[in-house]
């Protein structure tokens, strides 16, 4: 990708010294302060960064929930409501997810 149309060409002809020696200049206290570079992140990129850090701290598997469900399945107390399952399937189907 060429960026020549985005950034103007830097003209260096006036910066080239014609003599063979280069005089060293030291900044003085009266010289203007040197500019610094700054980066500003948009609110959206800050939100994405925050979400990424939260996701990294969140475990993929909630061990206590899995253990509870296993226990309920093994002792026969886990019941599935077929109407809730069908309702969720229809909502997912209609939403295009």
PDB file of N, CA and C in Angstrom:
ATOM      1  N   UNK A   1       0.839  -1.159   0.000  1.00  0.00           N
ATOM      2  CA  UNK A   1       0.000   0.000   0.000  1.00  0.00           C
ATOM      3  C   UNK A   1       0.893   1.234   0.000  1.00  0.00           C
ATOM      4  N   UNK A   2       0.679   2.116  -0.949  1.00  0.00           N
ATOM      5  CA  UNK A   2       1.473   3.329  -1.015  1.00  0.00           C
ATOM      6  C   UNK A   2       0.795   4.428  -0.221  1.00  0.00           C
ATOM      7  N   UNK A   3       1.574   5.153   0.532  1.00  0.00           N
ATOM      8  CA  UNK A   3       1.046   6.234   1.346  1.00  0.00           C
ATOM      9  C   UNK A   3       1.466   7.600   0.814  1.00  0.00           C
ATOM     10  N   UNK A   4       1.971   7.648  -0.399  1.00  0.00           N
ATOM     11  CA  UNK A   4       2.460   8.929  -0.922  1.00  0.00           C
ATOM     12  C   UNK A   4       1.336   9.931  -1.099  1.00  0.00           C
ATOM     13  N   UNK A   5       0.133   9.471  -1.364  1.00  0.00           N
ATOM     14  CA  UNK A   5      -0.961  10.418  -1.523  1.00  0.00           C
ATOM     15  C   UNK A   5      -1.482  10.900  -0.176  1.00  0.00           C
ATOM     16  N   UNK A   6      -1.201  10.160   0.890  1.00  0.00           N
ATOM     17  CA  UNK A   6      -1.668  10.537   2.216  1.00  0.00           C
ATOM     18  C   UNK A   6      -0.711  11.527   2.870  1.00  0.00           C
ATOM     19  N   UNK A   7       0.579  11.251   2.762  1.00  0.00           N
ATOM     20  CA  UNK A   7       1.578  12.100   3.379  1.00  0.00           C
ATOM     21  C   UNK A   7       2.283  12.920   2.302  1.00  0.00           C
ATOM     22  N   UNK A   8       2.420  14.218   2.510  1.00  0.00           N
ATOM     23  CA  UNK A   8       3.119  15.025   1.513  1.00  0.00           C
ATOM     24  C   UNK A   8       4.609  14.687   1.490  1.00  0.00           C
ATOM     25  N   UNK A   9       5.227  14.904   0.354  1.00  0.00           N
ATOM     26  CA  UNK A   9       6.658  14.648   0.223  1.00  0.00           C
ATOM     27  C   UNK A   9       7.429  15.607   1.117  1.00  0.00           C
ATOM     28  N   UNK A  10       8.462  15.114   1.754  1.00  0.00           N
ATOM     29  CA  UNK A  10       9.294  15.942   2.633  1.00  0.00           C
ATOM     30  C   UNK A  10      10.395  16.550   1.784  1.00  0.00           C
ATOM     31  N   UNK A  11      10.487  17.842   1.834  1.00  0.00           N
ATOM     32  CA  UNK A  11      11.509  18.538   1.057  1.00  0.00           C
ATOM     33  C   UNK A  11      12.757  18.670   1.921  1.00  0.00           C
ATOM     34  N   UNK A  12      13.877  18.159   1.416  1.00  0.00           N
ATOM     35  CA  UNK A  12      15.114  18.159   2.196  1.00  0.00           C
ATOM     36  C   UNK A  12      16.192  19.030   1.573  1.00  0.00           C
ATOM     37  N   UNK A  13      15.906  19.670   0.447  1.00  0.00           N
ATOM     38  CA  UNK A  13      16.947  20.456  -0.220  1.00  0.00           C
ATOM     39  C   UNK A  13      17.507  21.550   0.690  1.00  0.00           C
ATOM     40  N   UNK A  14      16.643  22.186   1.476  1.00  0.00           N
ATOM     41  CA  UNK A  14      17.108  23.275   2.325  1.00  0.00           C
ATOM     42  C   UNK A  14      17.870  22.763   3.541  1.00  0.00           C
ATOM     43  N   UNK A  15      17.788  21.504   3.847  1.00  0.00           N
ATOM     44  CA  UNK A  15      18.449  20.951   5.021  1.00  0.00           C
ATOM     45  C   UNK A  15      19.834  20.396   4.707  1.00  0.00           C
ATOM     46  N   UNK A  16      20.174  20.274   3.474  1.00  0.00           N
ATOM     47  CA  UNK A  16      21.477  19.744   3.085  1.00  0.00           C
ATOM     48  C   UNK A  16      22.512  20.846   3.205  1.00  0.00           C
ATOM     49  N   UNK A  17      23.618  20.545   3.904  1.00  0.00           N
ATOM     50  CA  UNK A  17      24.680  21.532   4.031  1.00  0.00           C
ATOM     51  C   UNK A  17      25.630  21.381   2.864  1.00  0.00           C
ATOM     52  N   UNK A  18      26.006  22.494   2.283  1.00  0.00           N
ATOM     53  CA  UNK A  18      26.848  22.458   1.103  1.00  0.00           C
ATOM     54  C   UNK A  18      28.321  22.341   1.458  1.00  0.00           C
ATOM     55  N   UNK A  19      28.714  22.781   2.644  1.00  0.00           N
ATOM     56  CA  UNK A  19      30.124  22.677   3.016  1.00  0.00           C
ATOM     57  C   UNK A  19      30.402  21.276   3.542  1.00  0.00           C
ATOM     58  N   UNK A  20      31.653  20.907   3.614  1.00  0.00           N
ATOM     59  CA  UNK A  20      32.036  19.572   4.029  1.00  0.00           C
ATOM     60  C   UNK A  20      31.986  19.377   5.522  1.00  0.00           C
ATOM     61  N   UNK A  21      31.824  20.423   6.317  1.00  0.00           N
ATOM     62  CA  UNK A  21      31.805  20.276   7.772  1.00  0.00           C
ATOM     63  C   UNK A  21      30.399  20.485   8.297  1.00  0.00           C
ATOM     64  N   UNK A  22      30.144  19.823   9.384  1.00  0.00           N
ATOM     65  CA  UNK A  22      28.844  19.956  10.023  1.00  0.00           C
ATOM     66  C   UNK A  22      29.076  20.542  11.404  1.00  0.00           C
ATOM     67  N   UNK A  23      28.398  21.633  11.695  1.00  0.00           N
ATOM     68  CA  UNK A  23      28.542  22.261  13.002  1.00  0.00           C
ATOM     69  C   UNK A  23      27.543  21.630  13.958  1.00  0.00           C
ATOM     70  N   UNK A  24      28.055  21.195  15.094  1.00  0.00           N
ATOM     71  CA  UNK A  24      27.177  20.592  16.091  1.00  0.00           C
ATOM     72  C   UNK A  24      26.513  21.688  16.884  1.00  0.00           C
ATOM     73  N   UNK A  25      25.221  21.571  17.058  1.00  0.00           N
ATOM     74  CA  UNK A  25      24.500  22.568  17.852  1.00  0.00           C
ATOM     75  C   UNK A  25      23.913  21.869  19.060  1.00  0.00           C
ATOM     76  N   UNK A  26      24.034  22.515  20.191  1.00  0.00           N
ATOM     77  CA  UNK A  26      23.482  21.986  21.422  1.00  0.00           C
ATOM     78  C   UNK A  26      22.219  22.769  21.749  1.00  0.00           C
ATOM     79  N   UNK A  27      21.186  22.080  22.182  1.00  0.00           N
ATOM     80  CA  UNK A  27      19.986  22.807  22.560  1.00  0.00           C
ATOM     81  C   UNK A  27      20.253  23.663  23.799  1.00  0.00           C
ATOM     82  N   UNK A  28      19.740  24.833  23.798  1.00  0.00           N
ATOM     83  CA  UNK A  28      19.899  25.738  24.938  1.00  0.00           C
ATOM     84  C   UNK A  28      18.592  25.808  25.699  1.00  0.00           C
ATOM     85  N   UNK A  29      18.654  26.387  26.865  1.00  0.00           N
ATOM     86  CA  UNK A  29      17.450  26.475  27.680  1.00  0.00           C
ATOM     87  C   UNK A  29      16.437  27.434  27.068  1.00  0.00           C
ATOM     88  N   UNK A  30      16.874  28.324  26.187  1.00  0.00           N
ATOM     89  CA  UNK A  30      15.948  29.272  25.582  1.00  0.00           C
ATOM     90  C   UNK A  30      15.296  28.717  24.319  1.00  0.00           C
ATOM     91  N   UNK A  31      15.732  27.516  23.883  1.00  0.00           N
ATOM     92  CA  UNK A  31      15.139  26.954  22.673  1.00  0.00           C
ATOM     93  C   UNK A  31      13.738  26.433  22.980  1.00  0.00           C
ATOM     94  N   UNK A  32      12.925  26.303  21.957  1.00  0.00           N
ATOM     95  CA  UNK A  32      11.551  25.834  22.119  1.00  0.00           C
ATOM     96  C   UNK A  32      11.560  24.369  22.534  1.00  0.00           C
ATOM     97  N   UNK A  33      10.617  23.957  23.351  1.00  0.00           N
ATOM     98  CA  UNK A  33      10.580  22.562  23.775  1.00  0.00           C
ATOM     99  C   UNK A  33      10.312  21.646  22.577  1.00  0.00           C
ATOM    100  N   UNK A  34      10.904  20.471  22.661  1.00  0.00           N
ATOM    101  CA  UNK A  34      10.749  19.498  21.591  1.00  0.00           C
ATOM    102  C   UNK A  34       9.352  18.888  21.688  1.00  0.00           C
ATOM    103  N   UNK A  35       8.682  18.780  20.548  1.00  0.00           N
ATOM    104  CA  UNK A  35       7.343  18.195  20.531  1.00  0.00           C
ATOM    105  C   UNK A  35       7.383  16.714  20.834  1.00  0.00           C
ATOM    106  N   UNK A  36       6.335  16.207  21.395  1.00  0.00           N
ATOM    107  CA  UNK A  36       6.260  14.781  21.699  1.00  0.00           C
ATOM    108  C   UNK A  36       5.122  14.168  20.908  1.00  0.00           C
ATOM    109  N   UNK A  37       5.248  12.882  20.635  1.00  0.00           N
ATOM    110  CA  UNK A  37       4.202  12.160  19.937  1.00  0.00           C
ATOM    111  C   UNK A  37       3.134  11.749  20.936  1.00  0.00           C
ATOM    112  N   UNK A  38       1.899  11.716  20.468  1.00  0.00           N
ATOM    113  CA  UNK A  38       0.799  11.301  21.321  1.00  0.00           C
ATOM    114  C   UNK A  38      -0.065  10.304  20.575  1.00  0.00           C
ATOM    115  N   UNK A  39      -0.620   9.393  21.323  1.00  0.00           N
ATOM    116  CA  UNK A  39      -1.556   8.427  20.761  1.00  0.00           C
ATOM    117  C   UNK A  39      -2.833   8.522  21.577  1.00  0.00           C
ATOM    118  N   UNK A  40      -3.944   8.693  20.887  1.00  0.00           N
ATOM    119  CA  UNK A  40      -5.232   8.732  21.569  1.00  0.00           C
ATOM    120  C   UNK A  40      -6.082   7.584  21.062  1.00  0.00           C
ATOM    121  N   UNK A  41      -6.585   6.776  21.991  1.00  0.00           N
ATOM    122  CA  UNK A  41      -7.427   5.643  21.630  1.00  0.00           C
ATOM    123  C   UNK A  41      -8.884   6.057  21.702  1.00  0.00           C
ATOM    124  N   UNK A  42      -9.664   5.574  20.759  1.00  0.00           N
ATOM    125  CA  UNK A  42     -11.082   5.880  20.771  1.00  0.00           C
ATOM    126  C   UNK A  42     -11.752   5.128  21.913  1.00  0.00           C
ATOM    127  N   UNK A  43     -12.941   5.562  22.267  1.00  0.00           N
ATOM    128  CA  UNK A  43     -13.685   4.905  23.342  1.00  0.00           C
ATOM    129  C   UNK A  43     -13.963   3.454  22.976  1.00  0.00           C
ATOM    130  N   UNK A  44     -14.238   3.194  21.707  1.00  0.00           N
ATOM    131  CA  UNK A  44     -14.505   1.825  21.263  1.00  0.00           C
ATOM    132  C   UNK A  44     -13.312   0.918  21.451  1.00  0.00           C
ATOM    133  N   UNK A  45     -12.119   1.409  21.133  1.00  0.00           N
ATOM    134  CA  UNK A  45     -10.925   0.570  21.289  1.00  0.00           C
ATOM    135  C   UNK A  45     -10.600   0.354  22.763  1.00  0.00           C
ATOM    136  N   UNK A  46     -10.893   1.340  23.605  1.00  0.00           N
ATOM    137  CA  UNK A  46     -10.701   1.145  25.045  1.00  0.00           C
ATOM    138  C   UNK A  46     -11.668   0.091  25.571  1.00  0.00           C
ATOM    139  N   UNK A  47     -12.918   0.110  25.072  1.00  0.00           N
ATOM    140  CA  UNK A  47     -13.905  -0.887  25.486  1.00  0.00           C
ATOM    141  C   UNK A  47     -13.472  -2.283  25.070  1.00  0.00           C
ATOM    142  N   UNK A  48     -12.970  -2.420  23.849  1.00  0.00           N
ATOM    143  CA  UNK A  48     -12.512  -3.724  23.365  1.00  0.00           C
ATOM    144  C   UNK A  48     -11.366  -4.223  24.228  1.00  0.00           C
ATOM    145  N   UNK A  49     -10.441  -3.342  24.553  1.00  0.00           N
ATOM    146  CA  UNK A  49      -9.306  -3.721  25.391  1.00  0.00           C
ATOM    147  C   UNK A  49      -9.781  -4.174  26.772  1.00  0.00           C
ATOM    148  N   UNK A  50     -10.748  -3.458  27.333  1.00  0.00           N
ATOM    149  CA  UNK A  50     -11.271  -3.821  28.653  1.00  0.00           C
ATOM    150  C   UNK A  50     -11.971  -5.175  28.590  1.00  0.00           C
ATOM    151  N   UNK A  51     -12.753  -5.411  27.529  1.00  0.00           N
ATOM    152  CA  UNK A  51     -13.443  -6.691  27.391  1.00  0.00           C
ATOM    153  C   UNK A  51     -12.458  -7.844  27.226  1.00  0.00           C
ATOM    154  N   UNK A  52     -11.385  -7.611  26.486  1.00  0.00           N
ATOM    155  CA  UNK A  52     -10.376  -8.653  26.313  1.00  0.00           C
ATOM    156  C   UNK A  52      -9.738  -9.030  27.643  1.00  0.00           C
ATOM    157  N   UNK A  53      -9.452  -8.030  28.465  1.00  0.00           N
ATOM    158  CA  UNK A  53      -8.835  -8.340  29.761  1.00  0.00           C
ATOM    159  C   UNK A  53      -9.810  -9.083  30.666  1.00  0.00           C
ATOM    160  N   UNK A  54     -11.102  -8.732  30.606  1.00  0.00           N
ATOM    161  CA  UNK A  54     -12.104  -9.441  31.412  1.00  0.00           C
ATOM    162  C   UNK A  54     -12.219 -10.881  30.947  1.00  0.00           C
ATOM    163  N   UNK A  55     -12.234 -11.089  29.621  1.00  0.00           N
ATOM    164  CA  UNK A  55     -12.339 -12.446  29.087  1.00  0.00           C
ATOM    165  C   UNK A  55     -11.141 -13.301  29.448  1.00  0.00           C
ATOM    166  N   UNK A  56      -9.952 -12.689  29.492  1.00  0.00           N
ATOM    167  CA  UNK A  56      -8.756 -13.444  29.850  1.00  0.00           C
ATOM    168  C   UNK A  56      -8.796 -13.893  31.304  1.00  0.00           C
ATOM    169  N   UNK A  57      -9.469 -13.123  32.167  1.00  0.00           N
ATOM    170  CA  UNK A  57      -9.556 -13.467  33.583  1.00  0.00           C
ATOM    171  C   UNK A  57     -10.684 -14.459  33.870  1.00  0.00           C
ATOM    172  N   UNK A  58     -11.649 -14.582  32.947  1.00  0.00           N
ATOM    173  CA  UNK A  58     -12.798 -15.450  33.148  1.00  0.00           C
ATOM    174  C   UNK A  58     -12.457 -16.873  32.718  1.00  0.00           C
ATOM    175  N   UNK A  59     -12.675 -17.840  33.591  1.00  0.00           N
ATOM    176  CA  UNK A  59     -12.385 -19.223  33.199  1.00  0.00           C
ATOM    177  C   UNK A  59     -13.364 -19.679  32.113  1.00  0.00           C
ATOM    178  N   UNK A  60     -12.893 -20.555  31.218  1.00  0.00           N
ATOM    179  CA  UNK A  60     -13.735 -21.054  30.140  1.00  0.00           C
ATOM    180  C   UNK A  60     -14.837 -21.958  30.668  1.00  0.00           C
ATOM    181  N   UNK A  61     -14.539 -22.732  31.679  1.00  0.00           N
ATOM    182  CA  UNK A  61     -15.492 -23.677  32.241  1.00  0.00           C
ATOM    183  C   UNK A  61     -15.763 -23.277  33.682  1.00  0.00           C
ATOM    184  N   UNK A  62     -17.041 -23.143  34.014  1.00  0.00           N
ATOM    185  CA  UNK A  62     -17.405 -22.861  35.407  1.00  0.00           C
ATOM    186  C   UNK A  62     -17.503 -24.192  36.134  1.00  0.00           C
ATOM    187  N   UNK A  63     -16.413 -24.550  36.779  1.00  0.00           N
ATOM    188  CA  UNK A  63     -16.268 -25.879  37.385  1.00  0.00           C
ATOM    189  C   UNK A  63     -17.370 -26.188  38.386  1.00  0.00           C
ATOM    190  N   UNK A  64     -17.754 -25.218  39.194  1.00  0.00           N
ATOM    191  CA  UNK A  64     -18.777 -25.493  40.212  1.00  0.00           C
ATOM    192  C   UNK A  64     -20.141 -25.780  39.573  1.00  0.00           C
ATOM    193  N   UNK A  65     -20.466 -25.094  38.465  1.00  0.00           N
ATOM    194  CA  UNK A  65     -21.725 -25.349  37.768  1.00  0.00           C
ATOM    195  C   UNK A  65     -21.714 -26.728  37.109  1.00  0.00           C
ATOM    196  N   UNK A  66     -20.599 -27.092  36.504  1.00  0.00           N
ATOM    197  CA  UNK A  66     -20.471 -28.401  35.868  1.00  0.00           C
ATOM    198  C   UNK A  66     -20.605 -29.501  36.913  1.00  0.00           C
ATOM    199  N   UNK A  67     -19.954 -29.323  38.054  1.00  0.00           N
ATOM    200  CA  UNK A  67     -20.026 -30.329  39.121  1.00  0.00           C
ATOM    201  C   UNK A  67     -21.459 -30.474  39.628  1.00  0.00           C
ATOM    202  N   UNK A  68     -22.158 -29.379  39.804  1.00  0.00           N
ATOM    203  CA  UNK A  68     -23.543 -29.417  40.273  1.00  0.00           C
ATOM    204  C   UNK A  68     -24.440 -30.128  39.262  1.00  0.00           C
ATOM    205  N   UNK A  69     -24.263 -29.813  37.978  1.00  0.00           N
ATOM    206  CA  UNK A  69     -25.077 -30.469  36.950  1.00  0.00           C
ATOM    207  C   UNK A  69     -24.785 -31.967  36.884  1.00  0.00           C
ATOM    208  N   UNK A  70     -23.513 -32.346  36.990  1.00  0.00           N
ATOM    209  CA  UNK A  70     -23.153 -33.772  36.999  1.00  0.00           C
ATOM    210  C   UNK A  70     -23.823 -34.486  38.168  1.00  0.00           C
ATOM    211  N   UNK A  71     -23.781 -33.869  39.338  1.00  0.00           N
ATOM    212  CA  UNK A  71     -24.387 -34.469  40.525  1.00  0.00           C
ATOM    213  C   UNK A  71     -25.891 -34.662  40.324  1.00  0.00           C
ATOM    214  N   UNK A  72     -26.564 -33.630  39.779  1.00  0.00           N
ATOM    215  CA  UNK A  72     -28.013 -33.706  39.567  1.00  0.00           C
ATOM    216  C   UNK A  72     -28.378 -34.750  38.517  1.00  0.00           C
ATOM    217  N   UNK A  73     -27.568 -34.886  37.479  1.00  0.00           N
ATOM    218  CA  UNK A  73     -27.827 -35.905  36.455  1.00  0.00           C
ATOM    219  C   UNK A  73     -27.661 -37.297  37.046  1.00  0.00           C
ATOM    220  N   UNK A  74     -26.592 -37.489  37.828  1.00  0.00           N
ATOM    221  CA  UNK A  74     -26.313 -38.800  38.413  1.00  0.00           C
ATOM    222  C   UNK A  74     -27.391 -39.237  39.407  1.00  0.00           C
ATOM    223  N   UNK A  75     -27.902 -38.284  40.219  1.00  0.00           N
ATOM    224  CA  UNK A  75     -28.917 -38.685  41.204  1.00  0.00           C
ATOM    225  C   UNK A  75     -30.343 -38.599  40.649  1.00  0.00           C
ATOM    226  N   UNK A  76     -30.478 -38.189  39.370  1.00  0.00           N
ATOM    227  CA  UNK A  76     -31.791 -38.196  38.716  1.00  0.00           C
ATOM    228  C   UNK A  76     -32.654 -36.985  38.997  1.00  0.00           C
ATOM    229  N   UNK A  77     -32.113 -35.970  39.660  1.00  0.00           N
ATOM    230  CA  UNK A  77     -32.925 -34.792  39.976  1.00  0.00           C
ATOM    231  C   UNK A  77     -32.886 -33.713  38.884  1.00  0.00           C
ATOM    232  N   UNK A  78     -32.074 -33.911  37.852  1.00  0.00           N
ATOM    233  CA  UNK A  78     -31.993 -32.926  36.764  1.00  0.00           C
ATOM    234  C   UNK A  78     -33.124 -33.182  35.778  1.00  0.00           C
ATOM    235  N   UNK A  79     -33.946 -32.173  35.552  1.00  0.00           N
ATOM    236  CA  UNK A  79     -35.063 -32.297  34.628  1.00  0.00           C
ATOM    237  C   UNK A  79     -34.982 -31.190  33.581  1.00  0.00           C
ATOM    238  N   UNK A  80     -35.332 -31.551  32.364  1.00  0.00           N
ATOM    239  CA  UNK A  80     -35.329 -30.595  31.263  1.00  0.00           C
ATOM    240  C   UNK A  80     -36.778 -30.270  30.926  1.00  0.00           C
ATOM    241  N   UNK A  81     -37.060 -28.974  30.833  1.00  0.00           N
ATOM    242  CA  UNK A  81     -38.402 -28.544  30.432  1.00  0.00           C
ATOM    243  C   UNK A  81     -38.447 -28.508  28.905  1.00  0.00           C
ATOM    244  N   UNK A  82     -39.161 -29.439  28.270  1.00  0.00           N
ATOM    245  CA  UNK A  82     -39.167 -29.493  26.808  1.00  0.00           C
ATOM    246  C   UNK A  82     -39.764 -28.242  26.177  1.00  0.00           C
ATOM    247  N   UNK A  83     -40.667 -27.580  26.865  1.00  0.00           N
ATOM    248  CA  UNK A  83     -41.273 -26.365  26.318  1.00  0.00           C
ATOM    249  C   UNK A  83     -40.264 -25.215  26.268  1.00  0.00           C
ATOM    250  N   UNK A  84     -39.427 -25.122  27.300  1.00  0.00           N
ATOM    251  CA  UNK A  84     -38.382 -24.093  27.296  1.00  0.00           C
ATOM    252  C   UNK A  84     -37.360 -24.365  26.193  1.00  0.00           C
ATOM    253  N   UNK A  85     -36.998 -25.628  26.015  1.00  0.00           N
ATOM    254  CA  UNK A  85     -36.040 -25.993  24.966  1.00  0.00           C
ATOM    255  C   UNK A  85     -36.605 -25.646  23.596  1.00  0.00           C
ATOM    256  N   UNK A  86     -37.871 -26.013  23.354  1.00  0.00           N
ATOM    257  CA  UNK A  86     -38.511 -25.724  22.062  1.00  0.00           C
ATOM    258  C   UNK A  86     -38.635 -24.221  21.845  1.00  0.00           C
ATOM    259  N   UNK A  87     -38.986 -23.495  22.891  1.00  0.00           N
ATOM    260  CA  UNK A  87     -39.120 -22.036  22.781  1.00  0.00           C
ATOM    261  C   UNK A  87     -37.778 -21.393  22.423  1.00  0.00           C
ATOM    262  N   UNK A  88     -36.720 -21.826  23.075  1.00  0.00           N
ATOM    263  CA  UNK A  88     -35.373 -21.308  22.791  1.00  0.00           C
ATOM    264  C   UNK A  88     -34.950 -21.654  21.363  1.00  0.00           C
ATOM    265  N   UNK A  89     -35.251 -22.871  20.921  1.00  0.00           N
ATOM    266  CA  UNK A  89     -34.901 -23.274  19.561  1.00  0.00           C
ATOM    267  C   UNK A  89     -35.630 -22.396  18.538  1.00  0.00           C
ATOM    268  N   UNK A  90     -36.897 -22.103  18.784  1.00  0.00           N
ATOM    269  CA  UNK A  90     -37.668 -21.262  17.857  1.00  0.00           C
ATOM    270  C   UNK A  90     -37.128 -19.833  17.835  1.00  0.00           C
ATOM    271  N   UNK A  91     -36.793 -19.301  18.999  1.00  0.00           N
ATOM    272  CA  UNK A  91     -36.234 -17.940  19.059  1.00  0.00           C
ATOM    273  C   UNK A  91     -34.921 -17.869  18.300  1.00  0.00           C
ATOM    274  N   UNK A  92     -34.064 -18.863  18.485  1.00  0.00           N
ATOM    275  CA  UNK A  92     -32.786 -18.894  17.774  1.00  0.00           C
ATOM    276  C   UNK A  92     -32.991 -19.008  16.265  1.00  0.00           C
ATOM    277  N   UNK A  93     -33.953 -19.840  15.867  1.00  0.00           N
ATOM    278  CA  UNK A  93     -34.241 -20.029  14.461  1.00  0.00           C
ATOM    279  C   UNK A  93     -34.768 -18.745  13.825  1.00  0.00           C
ATOM    280  N   UNK A  94     -35.657 -18.061  14.509  1.00  0.00           N
ATOM    281  CA  UNK A  94     -36.264 -16.842  13.970  1.00  0.00           C
ATOM    282  C   UNK A  94     -35.316 -15.647  13.996  1.00  0.00           C
ATOM    283  N   UNK A  95     -34.376 -15.651  14.929  1.00  0.00           N
ATOM    284  CA  UNK A  95     -33.437 -14.530  15.011  1.00  0.00           C
ATOM    285  C   UNK A  95     -32.289 -14.673  14.029  1.00  0.00           C
ATOM    286  N   UNK A  96     -32.122 -15.859  13.452  1.00  0.00           N
ATOM    287  CA  UNK A  96     -31.059 -16.083  12.472  1.00  0.00           C
ATOM    288  C   UNK A  96     -29.716 -16.390  13.104  1.00  0.00           C
ATOM    289  N   UNK A  97     -29.669 -16.701  14.369  1.00  0.00           N
ATOM    290  CA  UNK A  97     -28.421 -17.010  15.064  1.00  0.00           C
ATOM    291  C   UNK A  97     -27.943 -18.389  14.742  1.00  0.00           C
TER     292      UNK A  97
END
